[in-house]
Amino acid sequence: MSLQLGWEKPRLINVMAKNSDFKADRNPFLKTETGWERIDLREIDNLWREIRDLYSLSIEKESRYILWRYRDNPQKRYEVVIFRGLLKRNLKAYVIIRMDNNNLSVLDFFVSKKMNFRKVLAALEHIAIKRKAKGISLWVNPEEGIYKILRNAGYRDEKGIPYAVRIFEGSGLPPDFFLDQYCYRLGDYDAA
C-alpha cells in the first residue's frame, strides 16, 4: 500500500478502550432508550446539521447514510442508543453500538453541542455493566477534542489498523493535514 501511495508513511488508527472498571452512575435527568423505531429521521438530520461543523473531515452522516449503514445492514446487527432530555424529550445524542465477544463496540456517536459528552460515557458504561461487557472500545482521532475527555475518564490508547492517504499533486496540502483532521469511527471501517 505504501508503494501505491507513493511511499507515504502510514499511521495507525487510534482505538480508545476501557476494561471493566466502569462507573454505574446514571443521570436521572437523561432518558436512555434503545431501538431504531424510537428515533425519527428528522431528529438524525437535525442533530447532524447542528454538529457537522465540529468534524473537520468526515463522511456526511445524514439519516439516509445512518439507516443504510447500520439499521438496514444485512450482515451485522447494530443497535442504536438514544439520549433524550427528560422533560422536553428532545434528542440530545445517539450512539451506534454492537456487542463483540463480551466487548461493547461503539461504532459511531453523535452528541449535541449542548450536552456533556461525559454523560454519554457514563450511560454507555451503565449499559456495559448491564450487558456484562468486559470492555468498551471506540475509534477516535487524538486530535479531536473528545480525546482528552476519554483519557480523563480512564480510556487508554490502543493502536489499530494502519492507514495512509495520498494527497493529489498540486493540492498544496501535506498528507498530515488529512491524517490530523480526519474524524474516523469504527463504523467507517466496519463495512465488510
N, C-alpha and C. Protein backbone atom coordinates (compact mmCIF):
# COMPACT_ATOMS: atom_id res chain seq x y z
N MET A 1 0.83 -1.19 0.00
CA MET A 1 0.00 0.00 0.00
C MET A 1 0.87 1.25 0.00
N SER A 2 1.98 1.21 0.74
CA SER A 2 2.87 2.38 0.75
C SER A 2 3.41 2.67 -0.64
N LEU A 3 3.71 1.62 -1.39
CA LEU A 3 4.21 1.81 -2.75
C LEU A 3 3.13 2.46 -3.61
N GLN A 4 1.89 2.00 -3.50
CA GLN A 4 0.79 2.59 -4.28
C GLN A 4 0.54 4.03 -3.90
N LEU A 5 0.77 4.37 -2.66
CA LEU A 5 0.53 5.74 -2.20
C LEU A 5 1.77 6.61 -2.29
N GLY A 6 2.74 6.17 -3.07
CA GLY A 6 3.94 6.98 -3.24
C GLY A 6 4.81 7.02 -2.00
N TRP A 7 4.85 5.92 -1.26
CA TRP A 7 5.68 5.78 -0.08
C TRP A 7 5.30 6.75 1.05
N GLU A 8 4.03 7.10 1.11
CA GLU A 8 3.57 7.88 2.26
C GLU A 8 3.62 6.97 3.48
N LYS A 9 4.13 7.49 4.55
CA LYS A 9 4.24 6.70 5.77
C LYS A 9 2.86 6.49 6.39
N PRO A 10 2.48 5.25 6.67
CA PRO A 10 1.16 5.03 7.27
C PRO A 10 1.15 5.40 8.75
N ARG A 11 -0.03 5.68 9.24
CA ARG A 11 -0.26 5.87 10.68
C ARG A 11 -1.16 4.74 11.14
N LEU A 12 -1.38 4.66 12.44
CA LEU A 12 -2.28 3.65 12.98
C LEU A 12 -3.53 4.33 13.50
N ILE A 13 -4.68 3.71 13.22
CA ILE A 13 -5.94 4.17 13.80
C ILE A 13 -5.80 4.13 15.31
N ASN A 14 -6.30 5.13 16.00
CA ASN A 14 -6.24 5.17 17.45
C ASN A 14 -7.53 4.60 18.03
N VAL A 15 -7.39 3.51 18.77
CA VAL A 15 -8.53 2.87 19.43
C VAL A 15 -8.48 3.27 20.90
N MET A 16 -9.59 3.73 21.42
CA MET A 16 -9.70 4.04 22.84
C MET A 16 -10.45 2.89 23.50
N ALA A 17 -9.94 2.40 24.62
CA ALA A 17 -10.57 1.26 25.27
C ALA A 17 -10.55 1.43 26.78
N LYS A 18 -11.55 0.85 27.40
CA LYS A 18 -11.63 0.82 28.86
C LYS A 18 -12.13 -0.56 29.24
N ASN A 19 -11.48 -1.16 30.21
CA ASN A 19 -11.85 -2.52 30.62
C ASN A 19 -12.40 -2.55 32.03
N SER A 20 -13.60 -2.96 32.17
CA SER A 20 -14.31 -3.38 33.38
C SER A 20 -14.30 -2.48 34.61
N ASP A 21 -13.57 -1.39 34.65
CA ASP A 21 -13.66 -0.51 35.81
C ASP A 21 -14.67 0.60 35.53
N PHE A 22 -15.88 0.15 35.20
CA PHE A 22 -16.95 1.08 34.82
C PHE A 22 -17.62 1.67 36.04
N LYS A 23 -18.15 2.86 35.84
CA LYS A 23 -18.95 3.52 36.88
C LYS A 23 -20.42 3.20 36.61
N ALA A 24 -21.16 2.91 37.64
CA ALA A 24 -22.58 2.57 37.49
C ALA A 24 -23.48 3.80 37.60
N ASP A 25 -22.90 4.98 37.50
CA ASP A 25 -23.68 6.21 37.64
C ASP A 25 -24.70 6.33 36.51
N ARG A 26 -25.87 6.81 36.85
CA ARG A 26 -26.91 7.03 35.85
C ARG A 26 -27.51 8.40 36.10
N ASN A 27 -27.65 9.19 35.06
CA ASN A 27 -28.18 10.54 35.19
C ASN A 27 -29.70 10.49 35.17
N PRO A 28 -30.37 10.90 36.25
CA PRO A 28 -31.83 10.83 36.29
C PRO A 28 -32.52 11.84 35.37
N PHE A 29 -31.78 12.83 34.87
CA PHE A 29 -32.36 13.85 34.00
C PHE A 29 -32.17 13.53 32.52
N LEU A 30 -31.68 12.35 32.25
CA LEU A 30 -31.42 11.94 30.88
C LEU A 30 -32.10 10.60 30.63
N LYS A 31 -32.98 10.58 29.64
CA LYS A 31 -33.70 9.34 29.30
C LYS A 31 -32.91 8.60 28.24
N THR A 32 -32.64 7.34 28.50
CA THR A 32 -31.92 6.49 27.55
C THR A 32 -32.86 5.43 27.01
N GLU A 33 -32.89 5.30 25.67
CA GLU A 33 -33.74 4.31 25.01
C GLU A 33 -32.90 3.56 23.99
N THR A 34 -33.35 2.38 23.63
CA THR A 34 -32.71 1.63 22.55
C THR A 34 -33.78 1.25 21.54
N GLY A 35 -33.36 1.06 20.31
CA GLY A 35 -34.29 0.61 19.27
C GLY A 35 -34.43 1.62 18.15
N TRP A 36 -34.27 1.15 16.92
CA TRP A 36 -34.36 2.02 15.75
C TRP A 36 -35.73 2.66 15.59
N GLU A 37 -36.76 2.00 16.08
CA GLU A 37 -38.11 2.55 15.94
C GLU A 37 -38.34 3.76 16.85
N ARG A 38 -37.42 4.03 17.74
CA ARG A 38 -37.57 5.15 18.69
C ARG A 38 -36.89 6.44 18.23
N ILE A 39 -36.28 6.41 17.05
CA ILE A 39 -35.60 7.61 16.56
C ILE A 39 -36.19 7.99 15.21
N ASP A 40 -36.40 9.26 15.01
CA ASP A 40 -37.01 9.79 13.80
C ASP A 40 -35.93 10.31 12.86
N LEU A 41 -36.15 10.16 11.55
CA LEU A 41 -35.18 10.61 10.56
C LEU A 41 -34.88 12.10 10.68
N ARG A 42 -35.90 12.88 10.96
CA ARG A 42 -35.70 14.33 11.10
C ARG A 42 -34.78 14.65 12.28
N GLU A 43 -34.91 13.86 13.36
CA GLU A 43 -34.04 14.07 14.53
C GLU A 43 -32.58 13.79 14.17
N ILE A 44 -32.35 12.72 13.43
CA ILE A 44 -30.99 12.38 12.99
C ILE A 44 -30.41 13.52 12.16
N ASP A 45 -31.20 13.99 11.19
CA ASP A 45 -30.73 15.05 10.31
C ASP A 45 -30.52 16.37 11.04
N ASN A 46 -31.41 16.70 11.96
CA ASN A 46 -31.27 17.95 12.72
C ASN A 46 -30.01 17.93 13.59
N LEU A 47 -29.76 16.80 14.24
CA LEU A 47 -28.57 16.69 15.08
C LEU A 47 -27.30 16.76 14.22
N TRP A 48 -27.32 16.09 13.06
CA TRP A 48 -26.15 16.14 12.18
C TRP A 48 -25.88 17.58 11.71
N ARG A 49 -26.93 18.30 11.34
CA ARG A 49 -26.74 19.70 10.91
C ARG A 49 -26.14 20.55 12.03
N GLU A 50 -26.53 20.26 13.27
CA GLU A 50 -26.02 21.02 14.41
C GLU A 50 -24.53 20.76 14.64
N ILE A 51 -24.08 19.53 14.47
CA ILE A 51 -22.72 19.18 14.89
C ILE A 51 -21.73 18.97 13.75
N ARG A 52 -22.18 18.95 12.53
CA ARG A 52 -21.29 18.58 11.41
C ARG A 52 -20.07 19.47 11.29
N ASP A 53 -20.17 20.73 11.69
CA ASP A 53 -19.02 21.62 11.61
C ASP A 53 -17.94 21.30 12.65
N LEU A 54 -18.30 20.50 13.65
CA LEU A 54 -17.31 20.08 14.65
C LEU A 54 -16.34 19.05 14.08
N TYR A 55 -16.76 18.39 13.01
CA TYR A 55 -15.95 17.37 12.38
C TYR A 55 -15.25 17.98 11.17
N SER A 56 -13.95 18.22 11.28
CA SER A 56 -13.22 18.87 10.19
C SER A 56 -13.38 18.10 8.89
N LEU A 57 -13.06 16.83 8.92
CA LEU A 57 -13.19 15.96 7.76
C LEU A 57 -13.93 14.71 8.20
N SER A 58 -15.05 14.44 7.57
CA SER A 58 -15.85 13.28 7.95
C SER A 58 -16.74 12.88 6.78
N ILE A 59 -17.19 11.65 6.82
CA ILE A 59 -18.22 11.22 5.89
C ILE A 59 -19.50 11.98 6.25
N GLU A 60 -20.28 12.35 5.26
CA GLU A 60 -21.56 13.03 5.50
C GLU A 60 -22.52 12.01 6.12
N LYS A 61 -22.99 12.25 7.33
CA LYS A 61 -23.74 11.25 8.07
C LYS A 61 -25.18 11.68 8.35
N GLU A 62 -25.91 11.88 7.27
CA GLU A 62 -27.33 12.17 7.38
C GLU A 62 -28.10 10.87 7.56
N SER A 63 -29.40 10.98 7.76
CA SER A 63 -30.22 9.81 8.08
C SER A 63 -30.17 8.72 7.02
N ARG A 64 -30.14 9.10 5.75
CA ARG A 64 -30.08 8.07 4.70
C ARG A 64 -28.85 7.19 4.87
N TYR A 65 -27.71 7.81 5.16
CA TYR A 65 -26.48 7.05 5.37
C TYR A 65 -26.58 6.20 6.63
N ILE A 66 -27.03 6.78 7.73
CA ILE A 66 -27.10 6.07 9.02
C ILE A 66 -27.99 4.83 8.90
N LEU A 67 -29.16 4.98 8.29
CA LEU A 67 -30.05 3.83 8.16
C LEU A 67 -29.47 2.78 7.24
N TRP A 68 -28.92 3.22 6.11
CA TRP A 68 -28.31 2.27 5.17
C TRP A 68 -27.13 1.55 5.81
N ARG A 69 -26.30 2.27 6.50
CA ARG A 69 -25.07 1.71 7.04
C ARG A 69 -25.30 0.80 8.25
N TYR A 70 -26.25 1.17 9.11
CA TYR A 70 -26.41 0.44 10.36
C TYR A 70 -27.74 -0.31 10.47
N ARG A 71 -28.85 0.36 10.38
CA ARG A 71 -30.15 -0.30 10.59
C ARG A 71 -30.43 -1.37 9.55
N ASP A 72 -30.16 -1.04 8.29
CA ASP A 72 -30.52 -1.93 7.20
C ASP A 72 -29.39 -2.85 6.76
N ASN A 73 -28.33 -2.93 7.52
CA ASN A 73 -27.18 -3.77 7.16
C ASN A 73 -27.59 -5.24 7.26
N PRO A 74 -27.48 -6.00 6.16
CA PRO A 74 -27.93 -7.40 6.20
C PRO A 74 -26.95 -8.34 6.88
N GLN A 75 -25.69 -7.92 7.06
CA GLN A 75 -24.68 -8.82 7.59
C GLN A 75 -24.48 -8.72 9.10
N LYS A 76 -24.63 -7.55 9.65
CA LYS A 76 -24.34 -7.36 11.07
C LYS A 76 -25.51 -6.66 11.74
N ARG A 77 -25.62 -6.89 13.04
CA ARG A 77 -26.70 -6.28 13.80
C ARG A 77 -26.14 -5.16 14.66
N TYR A 78 -26.60 -3.96 14.37
CA TYR A 78 -26.18 -2.79 15.12
C TYR A 78 -27.38 -2.26 15.90
N GLU A 79 -27.08 -1.67 17.03
CA GLU A 79 -28.12 -1.16 17.90
C GLU A 79 -27.92 0.33 18.07
N VAL A 80 -29.01 1.06 18.22
CA VAL A 80 -28.90 2.48 18.48
C VAL A 80 -29.32 2.75 19.92
N VAL A 81 -28.53 3.56 20.60
CA VAL A 81 -28.85 4.02 21.96
C VAL A 81 -29.14 5.50 21.83
N ILE A 82 -30.31 5.90 22.31
CA ILE A 82 -30.82 7.26 22.13
C ILE A 82 -30.86 7.96 23.48
N PHE A 83 -30.42 9.21 23.49
CA PHE A 83 -30.41 10.02 24.71
C PHE A 83 -31.33 11.21 24.51
N ARG A 84 -32.30 11.35 25.40
CA ARG A 84 -33.28 12.43 25.32
C ARG A 84 -33.34 13.18 26.64
N GLY A 85 -33.73 14.44 26.54
CA GLY A 85 -34.00 15.21 27.74
C GLY A 85 -35.22 14.64 28.43
N LEU A 86 -35.25 14.68 29.72
CA LEU A 86 -36.35 14.08 30.47
C LEU A 86 -37.65 14.86 30.31
N LEU A 87 -37.57 16.18 30.27
CA LEU A 87 -38.78 16.99 30.19
C LEU A 87 -39.22 17.24 28.74
N LYS A 88 -38.35 17.79 27.93
CA LYS A 88 -38.72 18.12 26.55
C LYS A 88 -38.68 16.91 25.63
N ARG A 89 -37.95 15.87 26.03
CA ARG A 89 -37.83 14.63 25.24
C ARG A 89 -37.16 14.85 23.89
N ASN A 90 -36.40 15.94 23.77
CA ASN A 90 -35.71 16.19 22.51
C ASN A 90 -34.42 15.36 22.45
N LEU A 91 -33.99 15.02 21.24
CA LEU A 91 -32.80 14.21 21.04
C LEU A 91 -31.56 14.99 21.43
N LYS A 92 -30.80 14.44 22.37
CA LYS A 92 -29.55 15.05 22.83
C LYS A 92 -28.34 14.37 22.20
N ALA A 93 -28.47 13.05 21.96
CA ALA A 93 -27.36 12.29 21.39
C ALA A 93 -27.88 10.92 20.97
N TYR A 94 -27.13 10.28 20.09
CA TYR A 94 -27.37 8.86 19.84
C TYR A 94 -26.04 8.20 19.50
N VAL A 95 -25.98 6.92 19.84
CA VAL A 95 -24.76 6.14 19.70
C VAL A 95 -25.11 4.82 19.03
N ILE A 96 -24.27 4.38 18.11
CA ILE A 96 -24.44 3.09 17.45
C ILE A 96 -23.49 2.11 18.12
N ILE A 97 -24.02 0.98 18.61
CA ILE A 97 -23.19 0.00 19.32
C ILE A 97 -23.38 -1.40 18.74
N ARG A 98 -22.46 -2.27 19.12
CA ARG A 98 -22.55 -3.69 18.79
C ARG A 98 -21.77 -4.45 19.86
N MET A 99 -22.28 -5.60 20.28
CA MET A 99 -21.54 -6.45 21.21
C MET A 99 -20.67 -7.40 20.40
N ASP A 100 -19.38 -7.44 20.72
CA ASP A 100 -18.40 -8.32 20.08
C ASP A 100 -17.62 -9.06 21.16
N ASN A 101 -17.87 -10.35 21.28
CA ASN A 101 -17.08 -11.16 22.22
C ASN A 101 -16.93 -10.49 23.59
N ASN A 102 -18.02 -10.18 24.22
CA ASN A 102 -18.04 -9.55 25.55
C ASN A 102 -17.44 -8.14 25.58
N ASN A 103 -17.35 -7.50 24.42
CA ASN A 103 -16.88 -6.13 24.34
C ASN A 103 -17.97 -5.28 23.71
N LEU A 104 -18.21 -4.12 24.29
CA LEU A 104 -19.17 -3.17 23.72
C LEU A 104 -18.41 -2.27 22.75
N SER A 105 -18.65 -2.46 21.46
CA SER A 105 -18.00 -1.64 20.44
C SER A 105 -18.89 -0.46 20.11
N VAL A 106 -18.33 0.73 20.18
CA VAL A 106 -19.05 1.95 19.81
C VAL A 106 -18.63 2.28 18.39
N LEU A 107 -19.57 2.15 17.45
CA LEU A 107 -19.24 2.34 16.04
C LEU A 107 -19.31 3.80 15.63
N ASP A 108 -20.24 4.53 16.19
CA ASP A 108 -20.37 5.95 15.88
C ASP A 108 -21.16 6.62 16.98
N PHE A 109 -20.98 7.92 17.13
CA PHE A 109 -21.73 8.66 18.15
C PHE A 109 -21.92 10.09 17.69
N PHE A 110 -23.06 10.65 18.09
CA PHE A 110 -23.45 12.00 17.70
C PHE A 110 -24.02 12.67 18.93
N VAL A 111 -23.36 13.72 19.39
CA VAL A 111 -23.73 14.36 20.65
C VAL A 111 -23.94 15.85 20.42
N SER A 112 -25.09 16.35 20.84
CA SER A 112 -25.42 17.76 20.71
C SER A 112 -24.35 18.63 21.37
N LYS A 113 -24.16 19.82 20.82
CA LYS A 113 -23.22 20.77 21.41
C LYS A 113 -23.63 21.14 22.83
N LYS A 114 -24.93 21.03 23.11
CA LYS A 114 -25.45 21.44 24.42
C LYS A 114 -25.33 20.33 25.47
N MET A 115 -24.87 19.16 25.07
CA MET A 115 -24.79 18.04 26.01
C MET A 115 -23.34 17.72 26.34
N ASN A 116 -23.11 17.37 27.58
CA ASN A 116 -21.79 16.99 28.05
C ASN A 116 -21.50 15.54 27.64
N PHE A 117 -20.42 15.34 26.89
CA PHE A 117 -20.06 14.01 26.40
C PHE A 117 -19.82 13.02 27.54
N ARG A 118 -19.42 13.52 28.70
CA ARG A 118 -19.19 12.64 29.86
C ARG A 118 -20.48 11.91 30.27
N LYS A 119 -21.62 12.56 30.08
CA LYS A 119 -22.90 11.91 30.41
C LYS A 119 -23.16 10.73 29.48
N VAL A 120 -22.79 10.88 28.23
CA VAL A 120 -22.94 9.77 27.28
C VAL A 120 -22.02 8.61 27.69
N LEU A 121 -20.78 8.93 28.06
CA LEU A 121 -19.86 7.88 28.50
C LEU A 121 -20.39 7.15 29.73
N ALA A 122 -20.91 7.89 30.68
CA ALA A 122 -21.45 7.27 31.89
C ALA A 122 -22.61 6.34 31.55
N ALA A 123 -23.48 6.76 30.64
CA ALA A 123 -24.61 5.92 30.24
C ALA A 123 -24.13 4.66 29.50
N LEU A 124 -23.12 4.81 28.66
CA LEU A 124 -22.56 3.65 27.95
C LEU A 124 -21.93 2.66 28.94
N GLU A 125 -21.27 3.17 29.96
CA GLU A 125 -20.70 2.29 30.96
C GLU A 125 -21.80 1.58 31.75
N HIS A 126 -22.90 2.26 31.99
CA HIS A 126 -24.04 1.64 32.66
C HIS A 126 -24.59 0.49 31.79
N ILE A 127 -24.69 0.72 30.48
CA ILE A 127 -25.14 -0.32 29.55
C ILE A 127 -24.16 -1.49 29.55
N ALA A 128 -22.85 -1.19 29.57
CA ALA A 128 -21.83 -2.25 29.59
C ALA A 128 -21.97 -3.11 30.84
N ILE A 129 -22.24 -2.49 31.97
CA ILE A 129 -22.44 -3.25 33.21
C ILE A 129 -23.65 -4.16 33.09
N LYS A 130 -24.76 -3.62 32.59
CA LYS A 130 -26.00 -4.41 32.44
C LYS A 130 -25.80 -5.60 31.51
N ARG A 131 -24.97 -5.43 30.49
CA ARG A 131 -24.75 -6.50 29.50
C ARG A 131 -23.55 -7.37 29.82
N LYS A 132 -22.95 -7.12 30.97
CA LYS A 132 -21.79 -7.88 31.42
C LYS A 132 -20.63 -7.82 30.43
N ALA A 133 -20.47 -6.67 29.83
CA ALA A 133 -19.35 -6.47 28.90
C ALA A 133 -18.05 -6.34 29.69
N LYS A 134 -17.00 -6.87 29.15
CA LYS A 134 -15.70 -6.80 29.81
C LYS A 134 -14.94 -5.53 29.41
N GLY A 135 -15.42 -4.84 28.36
CA GLY A 135 -14.75 -3.63 27.93
C GLY A 135 -15.59 -2.84 26.96
N ILE A 136 -15.16 -1.60 26.74
CA ILE A 136 -15.77 -0.71 25.74
C ILE A 136 -14.63 -0.22 24.86
N SER A 137 -14.88 -0.19 23.55
CA SER A 137 -13.86 0.35 22.65
C SER A 137 -14.51 1.23 21.58
N LEU A 138 -13.76 2.24 21.15
CA LEU A 138 -14.20 3.14 20.09
C LEU A 138 -12.99 3.75 19.42
N TRP A 139 -13.17 4.22 18.20
CA TRP A 139 -12.09 4.85 17.46
C TRP A 139 -12.22 6.37 17.55
N VAL A 140 -11.13 7.02 17.89
CA VAL A 140 -11.12 8.48 17.99
C VAL A 140 -9.75 9.00 17.56
N ASN A 141 -9.75 9.98 16.70
CA ASN A 141 -8.52 10.63 16.31
C ASN A 141 -8.01 11.43 17.51
N PRO A 142 -6.74 11.27 17.90
CA PRO A 142 -6.21 12.00 19.07
C PRO A 142 -6.27 13.53 18.93
N GLU A 143 -6.50 14.03 17.72
CA GLU A 143 -6.59 15.47 17.51
C GLU A 143 -7.99 16.02 17.84
N GLU A 144 -8.96 15.12 18.06
CA GLU A 144 -10.33 15.57 18.40
C GLU A 144 -10.40 16.02 19.85
N GLY A 145 -11.27 16.96 20.13
CA GLY A 145 -11.44 17.47 21.49
C GLY A 145 -11.89 16.42 22.49
N ILE A 146 -12.68 15.46 22.05
CA ILE A 146 -13.18 14.44 22.99
C ILE A 146 -12.11 13.46 23.43
N TYR A 147 -10.98 13.46 22.73
CA TYR A 147 -9.89 12.55 23.09
C TYR A 147 -9.48 12.77 24.56
N LYS A 148 -9.33 14.02 24.97
CA LYS A 148 -8.93 14.32 26.34
C LYS A 148 -10.00 13.89 27.34
N ILE A 149 -11.26 14.05 26.95
CA ILE A 149 -12.36 13.62 27.83
C ILE A 149 -12.27 12.11 28.06
N LEU A 150 -12.03 11.36 26.99
CA LEU A 150 -11.91 9.91 27.11
C LEU A 150 -10.72 9.52 27.99
N ARG A 151 -9.59 10.18 27.79
CA ARG A 151 -8.40 9.88 28.61
C ARG A 151 -8.69 10.16 30.09
N ASN A 152 -9.36 11.29 30.38
CA ASN A 152 -9.68 11.62 31.76
C ASN A 152 -10.69 10.66 32.37
N ALA A 153 -11.48 10.00 31.53
CA ALA A 153 -12.48 9.04 32.01
C ALA A 153 -11.90 7.63 32.14
N GLY A 154 -10.59 7.49 31.94
CA GLY A 154 -9.96 6.19 32.14
C GLY A 154 -9.78 5.35 30.89
N TYR A 155 -10.06 5.92 29.72
CA TYR A 155 -9.85 5.18 28.47
C TYR A 155 -8.38 5.30 28.09
N ARG A 156 -7.85 4.21 27.55
CA ARG A 156 -6.44 4.20 27.16
C ARG A 156 -6.33 4.01 25.65
N ASP A 157 -5.16 4.37 25.12
CA ASP A 157 -4.90 4.23 23.69
C ASP A 157 -4.46 2.82 23.35
N GLU A 158 -5.01 2.32 22.28
CA GLU A 158 -4.53 1.08 21.67
C GLU A 158 -4.37 1.38 20.19
N LYS A 159 -3.39 0.78 19.60
CA LYS A 159 -3.15 1.03 18.18
C LYS A 159 -3.94 0.02 17.34
N GLY A 160 -4.65 0.55 16.36
CA GLY A 160 -5.46 -0.28 15.48
C GLY A 160 -4.77 -0.49 14.14
N ILE A 161 -5.56 -0.63 13.12
CA ILE A 161 -5.05 -0.93 11.78
C ILE A 161 -4.31 0.27 11.20
N PRO A 162 -3.34 0.02 10.30
CA PRO A 162 -2.64 1.14 9.66
C PRO A 162 -3.51 1.79 8.58
N TYR A 163 -3.30 3.08 8.38
CA TYR A 163 -3.97 3.78 7.28
C TYR A 163 -3.04 4.85 6.75
N ALA A 164 -3.21 5.15 5.48
CA ALA A 164 -2.38 6.16 4.83
C ALA A 164 -3.22 6.85 3.77
N VAL A 165 -2.81 8.03 3.38
CA VAL A 165 -3.50 8.78 2.32
C VAL A 165 -2.48 9.32 1.35
N ARG A 166 -2.95 9.61 0.18
CA ARG A 166 -2.10 10.30 -0.79
C ARG A 166 -2.87 11.53 -1.25
N ILE A 167 -2.28 12.68 -1.05
CA ILE A 167 -2.87 13.94 -1.45
C ILE A 167 -2.59 14.16 -2.92
N PHE A 168 -3.58 14.63 -3.66
CA PHE A 168 -3.38 14.89 -5.08
C PHE A 168 -2.26 15.90 -5.29
N GLU A 169 -1.43 15.62 -6.28
CA GLU A 169 -0.33 16.55 -6.59
C GLU A 169 -0.91 17.91 -6.96
N GLY A 170 -0.25 18.93 -6.53
CA GLY A 170 -0.70 20.28 -6.83
C GLY A 170 -1.70 20.82 -5.84
N SER A 171 -2.15 20.01 -4.90
CA SER A 171 -3.13 20.49 -3.93
C SER A 171 -2.49 21.43 -2.91
N GLY A 172 -1.19 21.24 -2.70
CA GLY A 172 -0.51 22.07 -1.71
C GLY A 172 -0.71 21.60 -0.28
N LEU A 173 -1.45 20.52 -0.08
CA LEU A 173 -1.71 20.01 1.27
C LEU A 173 -0.75 18.87 1.60
N PRO A 174 -0.14 18.90 2.75
CA PRO A 174 0.68 17.76 3.16
C PRO A 174 -0.22 16.62 3.63
N PRO A 175 0.23 15.36 3.53
CA PRO A 175 -0.60 14.23 3.99
C PRO A 175 -1.03 14.37 5.44
N ASP A 176 -0.19 15.00 6.28
CA ASP A 176 -0.54 15.15 7.69
C ASP A 176 -1.80 15.99 7.89
N PHE A 177 -2.10 16.88 6.95
CA PHE A 177 -3.33 17.67 7.07
C PHE A 177 -4.54 16.75 7.18
N PHE A 178 -4.63 15.79 6.27
CA PHE A 178 -5.76 14.86 6.30
C PHE A 178 -5.69 13.97 7.55
N LEU A 179 -4.53 13.41 7.81
CA LEU A 179 -4.39 12.47 8.92
C LEU A 179 -4.69 13.13 10.26
N ASP A 180 -4.36 14.40 10.41
CA ASP A 180 -4.65 15.10 11.67
C ASP A 180 -6.11 15.52 11.79
N GLN A 181 -6.78 15.78 10.68
CA GLN A 181 -8.13 16.34 10.69
C GLN A 181 -9.24 15.30 10.54
N TYR A 182 -8.92 14.13 10.02
CA TYR A 182 -9.96 13.17 9.67
C TYR A 182 -10.64 12.61 10.92
N CYS A 183 -11.95 12.69 10.96
CA CYS A 183 -12.75 12.21 12.08
C CYS A 183 -13.21 10.79 11.74
N TYR A 184 -12.41 9.80 12.12
CA TYR A 184 -12.76 8.41 11.80
C TYR A 184 -13.47 7.74 12.96
N ARG A 185 -14.29 6.78 12.61
CA ARG A 185 -15.01 5.96 13.57
C ARG A 185 -14.94 4.50 13.13
N LEU A 186 -15.15 3.60 14.07
CA LEU A 186 -15.14 2.18 13.75
C LEU A 186 -16.17 1.86 12.66
N GLY A 187 -17.31 2.52 12.70
CA GLY A 187 -18.35 2.28 11.70
C GLY A 187 -17.94 2.65 10.30
N ASP A 188 -16.97 3.56 10.14
CA ASP A 188 -16.49 3.92 8.80
C ASP A 188 -15.67 2.79 8.19
N TYR A 189 -15.10 1.95 9.04
CA TYR A 189 -14.26 0.86 8.57
C TYR A 189 -15.00 -0.47 8.56
N ASP A 190 -15.92 -0.65 9.46
CA ASP A 190 -16.58 -1.93 9.72
C ASP A 190 -17.63 -2.27 8.67
N ALA A 191 -17.40 -1.94 7.43
CA ALA A 191 -18.41 -2.13 6.40
C ALA A 191 -18.40 -3.52 5.80
N ALA A 192 -17.36 -4.29 6.03
CA ALA A 192 -17.26 -5.62 5.42
C ALA A 192 -18.13 -6.63 6.15
